[in-house]
Amino acid sequence: MGQWIIILALALVGQFVSDLISFPIPKTIIASIILFLLLEFKVVKADYFKEALASCKKHLAFLFLPVGVGIMTQLKSEPAMVYVKVLIIMIISTILIMLVTGVLADIIIGAQEKILGDKDKKEGKNEWNNTKNSF
């Protein structure tokens, strides 16, 4: 029970801080940051919240229900073309994120191979010689 009181108190503090500052940060994000800081600085232990988190996981689909209802009620108030535009933006942004992630992964892997590859060549090591054939 005390776990839920702390979680709800953090949500209330997040709402208060969000109302206090004029920057539009969602109340739940502020509450999450406060909880993270409390856990990071060991004010509260993560094990303390195990029971509450287990019940949240059990009823996760139910917790998303208000979001789904909110989206459905808003669908009637906007013209269909707005949703087509949003869908196109989502598809384009997803493709861009995938491309940027792939390029950055190639750059990082190349840098790692350059750094670690030079060490392996000097030491006479080869990644393929050290592994056994699993076939």
N, C-alpha and C. Protein backbone atom coordinates (compact mmCIF):
# COMPACT_ATOMS: atom_id res chain seq x y z
N MET A 1 0.83 -1.20 0.00
CA MET A 1 0.00 0.00 0.00
C MET A 1 0.86 1.25 0.00
N GLY A 2 1.95 1.20 0.76
CA GLY A 2 2.84 2.36 0.82
C GLY A 2 3.50 2.67 -0.51
N GLN A 3 3.66 1.63 -1.34
CA GLN A 3 4.25 1.82 -2.66
C GLN A 3 3.36 2.71 -3.51
N TRP A 4 2.07 2.40 -3.47
CA TRP A 4 1.12 3.18 -4.26
C TRP A 4 1.01 4.61 -3.76
N ILE A 5 1.11 4.79 -2.46
CA ILE A 5 1.05 6.15 -1.91
C ILE A 5 2.22 6.98 -2.41
N ILE A 6 3.41 6.38 -2.44
CA ILE A 6 4.58 7.10 -2.95
C ILE A 6 4.42 7.41 -4.44
N ILE A 7 3.94 6.43 -5.21
CA ILE A 7 3.76 6.66 -6.65
C ILE A 7 2.73 7.76 -6.90
N LEU A 8 1.63 7.72 -6.18
CA LEU A 8 0.60 8.76 -6.35
C LEU A 8 1.09 10.12 -5.85
N ALA A 9 1.88 10.12 -4.78
CA ALA A 9 2.44 11.39 -4.29
C ALA A 9 3.40 11.97 -5.33
N LEU A 10 4.19 11.12 -5.96
CA LEU A 10 5.09 11.61 -7.02
C LEU A 10 4.30 12.16 -8.20
N ALA A 11 3.19 11.51 -8.54
CA ALA A 11 2.34 12.04 -9.61
C ALA A 11 1.78 13.41 -9.24
N LEU A 12 1.40 13.57 -7.98
CA LEU A 12 0.89 14.86 -7.51
C LEU A 12 1.99 15.93 -7.53
N VAL A 13 3.19 15.56 -7.10
CA VAL A 13 4.31 16.50 -7.14
C VAL A 13 4.63 16.86 -8.60
N GLY A 14 4.59 15.87 -9.50
CA GLY A 14 4.82 16.13 -10.92
C GLY A 14 3.81 17.10 -11.48
N GLN A 15 2.56 16.96 -11.07
CA GLN A 15 1.52 17.88 -11.52
C GLN A 15 1.76 19.28 -10.96
N PHE A 16 2.15 19.37 -9.71
CA PHE A 16 2.41 20.66 -9.10
C PHE A 16 3.59 21.36 -9.79
N VAL A 17 4.67 20.62 -10.04
CA VAL A 17 5.84 21.20 -10.69
C VAL A 17 5.50 21.63 -12.11
N SER A 18 4.72 20.81 -12.82
CA SER A 18 4.32 21.16 -14.19
C SER A 18 3.49 22.43 -14.21
N ASP A 19 2.61 22.59 -13.24
CA ASP A 19 1.81 23.81 -13.15
C ASP A 19 2.66 25.01 -12.74
N LEU A 20 3.71 24.75 -11.97
CA LEU A 20 4.57 25.82 -11.47
C LEU A 20 5.44 26.42 -12.57
N ILE A 21 6.01 25.57 -13.42
CA ILE A 21 6.86 26.06 -14.51
C ILE A 21 6.00 26.28 -15.74
N SER A 22 6.43 27.17 -16.58
CA SER A 22 5.63 27.48 -17.76
C SER A 22 6.05 26.65 -18.97
N PHE A 23 7.11 25.86 -18.84
CA PHE A 23 7.57 25.01 -19.94
C PHE A 23 6.65 23.80 -20.05
N PRO A 24 6.18 23.48 -21.24
CA PRO A 24 5.19 22.40 -21.37
C PRO A 24 5.80 21.00 -21.31
N ILE A 25 6.13 20.56 -20.11
CA ILE A 25 6.61 19.19 -19.90
C ILE A 25 5.46 18.41 -19.29
N PRO A 26 5.16 17.23 -19.85
CA PRO A 26 4.05 16.44 -19.29
C PRO A 26 4.28 16.09 -17.82
N LYS A 27 3.20 16.09 -17.07
CA LYS A 27 3.26 15.82 -15.63
C LYS A 27 3.84 14.44 -15.33
N THR A 28 3.51 13.46 -16.17
CA THR A 28 4.01 12.11 -15.94
C THR A 28 5.52 12.03 -16.15
N ILE A 29 6.04 12.82 -17.07
CA ILE A 29 7.49 12.82 -17.31
C ILE A 29 8.20 13.42 -16.10
N ILE A 30 7.66 14.49 -15.56
CA ILE A 30 8.26 15.11 -14.38
C ILE A 30 8.24 14.14 -13.21
N ALA A 31 7.12 13.45 -13.01
CA ALA A 31 7.02 12.47 -11.93
C ALA A 31 8.02 11.33 -12.14
N SER A 32 8.19 10.91 -13.39
CA SER A 32 9.15 9.84 -13.69
C SER A 32 10.58 10.29 -13.41
N ILE A 33 10.89 11.53 -13.75
CA ILE A 33 12.23 12.06 -13.48
C ILE A 33 12.48 12.14 -11.97
N ILE A 34 11.48 12.58 -11.23
CA ILE A 34 11.63 12.64 -9.76
C ILE A 34 11.85 11.25 -9.19
N LEU A 35 11.07 10.27 -9.67
CA LEU A 35 11.24 8.89 -9.20
C LEU A 35 12.63 8.37 -9.56
N PHE A 36 13.09 8.67 -10.78
CA PHE A 36 14.43 8.25 -11.18
C PHE A 36 15.49 8.84 -10.26
N LEU A 37 15.35 10.13 -9.95
CA LEU A 37 16.33 10.77 -9.06
C LEU A 37 16.30 10.16 -7.66
N LEU A 38 15.10 9.86 -7.16
CA LEU A 38 14.99 9.22 -5.85
C LEU A 38 15.66 7.84 -5.85
N LEU A 39 15.48 7.11 -6.94
CA LEU A 39 16.12 5.80 -7.04
C LEU A 39 17.62 5.91 -7.24
N GLU A 40 18.04 6.86 -8.04
CA GLU A 40 19.46 7.03 -8.34
C GLU A 40 20.26 7.43 -7.11
N PHE A 41 19.70 8.32 -6.32
CA PHE A 41 20.40 8.78 -5.12
C PHE A 41 20.06 7.92 -3.89
N LYS A 42 19.42 6.78 -4.16
CA LYS A 42 19.14 5.77 -3.14
C LYS A 42 18.31 6.30 -1.97
N VAL A 43 17.42 7.24 -2.26
CA VAL A 43 16.47 7.71 -1.25
C VAL A 43 15.44 6.60 -1.01
N VAL A 44 15.01 5.95 -2.08
CA VAL A 44 14.17 4.76 -2.00
C VAL A 44 14.83 3.64 -2.80
N LYS A 45 14.56 2.41 -2.42
CA LYS A 45 15.15 1.27 -3.11
C LYS A 45 14.18 0.75 -4.17
N ALA A 46 14.73 0.26 -5.27
CA ALA A 46 13.90 -0.26 -6.36
C ALA A 46 13.10 -1.48 -5.92
N ASP A 47 13.65 -2.27 -5.02
CA ASP A 47 12.94 -3.46 -4.55
C ASP A 47 11.64 -3.12 -3.82
N TYR A 48 11.57 -1.91 -3.29
CA TYR A 48 10.39 -1.48 -2.56
C TYR A 48 9.15 -1.45 -3.46
N PHE A 49 9.34 -1.21 -4.76
CA PHE A 49 8.22 -1.05 -5.69
C PHE A 49 7.88 -2.33 -6.45
N LYS A 50 8.50 -3.45 -6.11
CA LYS A 50 8.27 -4.69 -6.87
C LYS A 50 6.81 -5.11 -6.91
N GLU A 51 6.14 -5.05 -5.78
CA GLU A 51 4.74 -5.50 -5.71
C GLU A 51 3.84 -4.61 -6.56
N ALA A 52 4.03 -3.30 -6.49
CA ALA A 52 3.21 -2.38 -7.27
C ALA A 52 3.48 -2.55 -8.76
N LEU A 53 4.73 -2.75 -9.12
CA LEU A 53 5.07 -2.92 -10.53
C LEU A 53 4.53 -4.24 -11.08
N ALA A 54 4.51 -5.27 -10.25
CA ALA A 54 3.95 -6.54 -10.69
C ALA A 54 2.46 -6.41 -11.00
N SER A 55 1.74 -5.68 -10.17
CA SER A 55 0.31 -5.50 -10.44
C SER A 55 0.09 -4.60 -11.64
N CYS A 56 0.98 -3.64 -11.87
CA CYS A 56 0.88 -2.80 -13.07
C CYS A 56 1.09 -3.63 -14.33
N LYS A 57 2.07 -4.52 -14.30
CA LYS A 57 2.32 -5.38 -15.46
C LYS A 57 1.14 -6.29 -15.73
N LYS A 58 0.51 -6.76 -14.68
CA LYS A 58 -0.62 -7.68 -14.83
C LYS A 58 -1.79 -6.98 -15.53
N HIS A 59 -1.99 -5.71 -15.25
CA HIS A 59 -3.13 -4.97 -15.78
C HIS A 59 -2.71 -3.89 -16.78
N LEU A 60 -1.64 -4.14 -17.53
CA LEU A 60 -1.10 -3.12 -18.43
C LEU A 60 -2.08 -2.73 -19.53
N ALA A 61 -2.76 -3.70 -20.11
CA ALA A 61 -3.72 -3.39 -21.18
C ALA A 61 -4.83 -2.49 -20.67
N PHE A 62 -5.29 -2.72 -19.45
CA PHE A 62 -6.34 -1.91 -18.86
C PHE A 62 -5.88 -0.47 -18.66
N LEU A 63 -4.58 -0.27 -18.35
CA LEU A 63 -4.06 1.07 -18.12
C LEU A 63 -4.00 1.90 -19.39
N PHE A 64 -3.95 1.25 -20.56
CA PHE A 64 -3.93 1.99 -21.83
C PHE A 64 -5.33 2.29 -22.34
N LEU A 65 -6.34 1.78 -21.71
CA LEU A 65 -7.72 1.99 -22.15
C LEU A 65 -8.11 3.46 -22.23
N PRO A 66 -7.82 4.30 -21.23
CA PRO A 66 -8.21 5.72 -21.34
C PRO A 66 -7.55 6.42 -22.52
N VAL A 67 -6.33 6.05 -22.85
CA VAL A 67 -5.66 6.66 -24.00
C VAL A 67 -6.39 6.29 -25.28
N GLY A 68 -6.75 5.02 -25.41
CA GLY A 68 -7.47 4.58 -26.60
C GLY A 68 -8.82 5.26 -26.74
N VAL A 69 -9.53 5.41 -25.63
CA VAL A 69 -10.83 6.08 -25.66
C VAL A 69 -10.65 7.55 -26.04
N GLY A 70 -9.62 8.18 -25.51
CA GLY A 70 -9.35 9.59 -25.85
C GLY A 70 -9.07 9.76 -27.33
N ILE A 71 -8.31 8.85 -27.90
CA ILE A 71 -8.02 8.92 -29.34
C ILE A 71 -9.29 8.72 -30.14
N MET A 72 -10.11 7.76 -29.74
CA MET A 72 -11.34 7.49 -30.49
C MET A 72 -12.31 8.66 -30.43
N THR A 73 -12.38 9.36 -29.32
CA THR A 73 -13.30 10.50 -29.24
C THR A 73 -12.79 11.66 -30.09
N GLN A 74 -11.48 11.77 -30.26
CA GLN A 74 -10.94 12.85 -31.07
C GLN A 74 -11.05 12.57 -32.57
N LEU A 75 -11.19 11.30 -32.94
CA LEU A 75 -11.28 10.96 -34.36
C LEU A 75 -12.46 11.63 -35.05
N LYS A 76 -13.56 11.79 -34.34
CA LYS A 76 -14.75 12.37 -34.93
C LYS A 76 -14.63 13.88 -35.13
N SER A 77 -13.77 14.53 -34.39
CA SER A 77 -13.73 15.99 -34.44
C SER A 77 -12.81 16.54 -35.53
N GLU A 78 -11.96 15.71 -36.13
CA GLU A 78 -11.03 16.17 -37.15
C GLU A 78 -11.39 15.55 -38.50
N PRO A 79 -11.13 16.29 -39.59
CA PRO A 79 -11.37 15.70 -40.91
C PRO A 79 -10.38 14.56 -41.18
N ALA A 80 -10.78 13.63 -42.03
CA ALA A 80 -9.97 12.44 -42.31
C ALA A 80 -8.62 12.81 -42.92
N MET A 81 -8.53 13.91 -43.66
CA MET A 81 -7.28 14.29 -44.32
C MET A 81 -6.19 14.59 -43.29
N VAL A 82 -6.57 15.09 -42.14
CA VAL A 82 -5.59 15.37 -41.09
C VAL A 82 -4.91 14.07 -40.66
N TYR A 83 -5.67 12.99 -40.55
CA TYR A 83 -5.11 11.72 -40.13
C TYR A 83 -4.24 11.10 -41.20
N VAL A 84 -4.58 11.34 -42.47
CA VAL A 84 -3.72 10.86 -43.55
C VAL A 84 -2.37 11.58 -43.50
N LYS A 85 -2.39 12.88 -43.24
CA LYS A 85 -1.15 13.64 -43.12
C LYS A 85 -0.31 13.13 -41.94
N VAL A 86 -0.97 12.88 -40.82
CA VAL A 86 -0.25 12.38 -39.63
C VAL A 86 0.36 11.01 -39.94
N LEU A 87 -0.38 10.15 -40.62
CA LEU A 87 0.12 8.82 -40.98
C LEU A 87 1.34 8.94 -41.90
N ILE A 88 1.28 9.82 -42.88
CA ILE A 88 2.43 10.03 -43.78
C ILE A 88 3.64 10.53 -43.01
N ILE A 89 3.43 11.47 -42.11
CA ILE A 89 4.53 11.99 -41.29
C ILE A 89 5.13 10.88 -40.44
N MET A 90 4.28 10.03 -39.86
CA MET A 90 4.77 8.93 -39.04
C MET A 90 5.61 7.95 -39.87
N ILE A 91 5.16 7.63 -41.06
CA ILE A 91 5.90 6.70 -41.92
C ILE A 91 7.24 7.30 -42.32
N ILE A 92 7.24 8.55 -42.75
CA ILE A 92 8.49 9.21 -43.16
C ILE A 92 9.46 9.32 -41.99
N SER A 93 8.95 9.71 -40.82
CA SER A 93 9.85 9.86 -39.67
C SER A 93 10.40 8.50 -39.22
N THR A 94 9.60 7.44 -39.33
CA THR A 94 10.09 6.11 -38.98
C THR A 94 11.20 5.68 -39.94
N ILE A 95 11.02 5.92 -41.22
CA ILE A 95 12.06 5.58 -42.21
C ILE A 95 13.32 6.39 -41.94
N LEU A 96 13.18 7.68 -41.66
CA LEU A 96 14.35 8.52 -41.36
C LEU A 96 15.09 8.04 -40.11
N ILE A 97 14.34 7.68 -39.09
CA ILE A 97 14.96 7.18 -37.85
C ILE A 97 15.73 5.89 -38.13
N MET A 98 15.14 5.01 -38.93
CA MET A 98 15.82 3.76 -39.27
C MET A 98 17.10 4.03 -40.07
N LEU A 99 17.04 4.96 -41.01
CA LEU A 99 18.22 5.28 -41.81
C LEU A 99 19.32 5.90 -40.96
N VAL A 100 18.96 6.86 -40.14
CA VAL A 100 19.97 7.51 -39.28
C VAL A 100 20.57 6.52 -38.31
N THR A 101 19.75 5.66 -37.74
CA THR A 101 20.26 4.64 -36.82
C THR A 101 21.22 3.70 -37.53
N GLY A 102 20.87 3.28 -38.74
CA GLY A 102 21.75 2.40 -39.50
C GLY A 102 23.07 3.04 -39.84
N VAL A 103 23.04 4.31 -40.27
CA VAL A 103 24.27 5.02 -40.61
C VAL A 103 25.14 5.20 -39.36
N LEU A 104 24.53 5.59 -38.26
CA LEU A 104 25.30 5.74 -37.02
C LEU A 104 25.88 4.42 -36.54
N ALA A 105 25.12 3.34 -36.69
CA ALA A 105 25.64 2.02 -36.30
C ALA A 105 26.84 1.65 -37.16
N ASP A 106 26.77 1.92 -38.47
CA ASP A 106 27.91 1.65 -39.36
C ASP A 106 29.13 2.46 -38.96
N ILE A 107 28.92 3.73 -38.62
CA ILE A 107 30.04 4.59 -38.20
C ILE A 107 30.67 4.05 -36.92
N ILE A 108 29.84 3.69 -35.96
CA ILE A 108 30.36 3.19 -34.68
C ILE A 108 31.08 1.86 -34.87
N ILE A 109 30.49 0.96 -35.66
CA ILE A 109 31.14 -0.33 -35.90
C ILE A 109 32.46 -0.14 -36.63
N GLY A 110 32.47 0.76 -37.61
CA GLY A 110 33.72 1.05 -38.33
C GLY A 110 34.80 1.60 -37.40
N ALA A 111 34.41 2.50 -36.51
CA ALA A 111 35.38 3.05 -35.56
C ALA A 111 35.88 1.97 -34.61
N GLN A 112 34.99 1.10 -34.16
CA GLN A 112 35.41 0.01 -33.27
C GLN A 112 36.37 -0.94 -33.99
N GLU A 113 36.05 -1.26 -35.24
CA GLU A 113 36.93 -2.16 -35.99
C GLU A 113 38.29 -1.52 -36.23
N LYS A 114 38.28 -0.22 -36.47
CA LYS A 114 39.54 0.48 -36.70
C LYS A 114 40.39 0.47 -35.42
N ILE A 115 39.75 0.74 -34.28
CA ILE A 115 40.48 0.78 -33.01
C ILE A 115 40.88 -0.62 -32.57
N LEU A 116 39.91 -1.53 -32.53
CA LEU A 116 40.19 -2.88 -32.05
C LEU A 116 40.92 -3.72 -33.10
N GLY A 117 40.67 -3.43 -34.37
CA GLY A 117 41.33 -4.18 -35.44
C GLY A 117 42.83 -3.95 -35.44
N ASP A 118 43.28 -2.73 -35.17
CA ASP A 118 44.71 -2.43 -35.11
C ASP A 118 45.36 -3.19 -33.97
N LYS A 119 44.68 -3.28 -32.83
CA LYS A 119 45.23 -4.02 -31.68
C LYS A 119 45.34 -5.50 -32.00
N ASP A 120 44.31 -6.04 -32.66
CA ASP A 120 44.32 -7.47 -32.99
C ASP A 120 45.41 -7.80 -34.00
N LYS A 121 45.65 -6.92 -34.96
CA LYS A 121 46.69 -7.17 -35.95
C LYS A 121 48.07 -7.15 -35.31
N LYS A 122 48.27 -6.24 -34.36
CA LYS A 122 49.57 -6.16 -33.68
C LYS A 122 49.80 -7.40 -32.83
N GLU A 123 48.73 -7.93 -32.22
CA GLU A 123 48.86 -9.09 -31.35
C GLU A 123 48.74 -10.40 -32.12
N GLY A 124 48.44 -10.35 -33.40
CA GLY A 124 48.32 -11.56 -34.21
C GLY A 124 47.03 -12.31 -33.97
N LYS A 125 46.03 -11.65 -33.43
CA LYS A 125 44.74 -12.30 -33.15
C LYS A 125 43.79 -12.07 -34.30
N ASN A 126 42.95 -13.06 -34.48
CA ASN A 126 41.91 -12.95 -35.48
C ASN A 126 40.64 -13.51 -34.86
N GLU A 127 39.56 -12.82 -35.01
CA GLU A 127 38.30 -13.23 -34.39
C GLU A 127 37.87 -14.61 -34.88
N TRP A 128 38.09 -14.89 -36.16
CA TRP A 128 37.63 -16.15 -36.73
C TRP A 128 38.50 -17.33 -36.30
N ASN A 129 39.76 -17.08 -35.99
CA ASN A 129 40.63 -18.17 -35.56
C ASN A 129 40.34 -18.60 -34.12
N ASN A 130 39.78 -17.70 -33.34
CA ASN A 130 39.50 -18.00 -31.93
C ASN A 130 38.19 -18.72 -31.69
N THR A 131 37.30 -18.73 -32.69
CA THR A 131 36.00 -19.38 -32.52
C THR A 131 36.07 -20.78 -33.09
N LYS A 132 35.33 -21.69 -32.47
CA LYS A 132 35.28 -23.07 -32.96
C LYS A 132 34.11 -23.21 -33.91
N ASN A 133 34.27 -24.10 -34.86
CA ASN A 133 33.22 -24.35 -35.82
C ASN A 133 32.08 -25.08 -35.13
N SER A 134 30.88 -24.54 -35.19
CA SER A 134 29.75 -25.12 -34.48
C SER A 134 28.90 -26.04 -35.37
N PHE A 135 29.33 -26.26 -36.60
CA PHE A 135 28.52 -27.07 -37.51
C PHE A 135 28.77 -28.50 -37.27
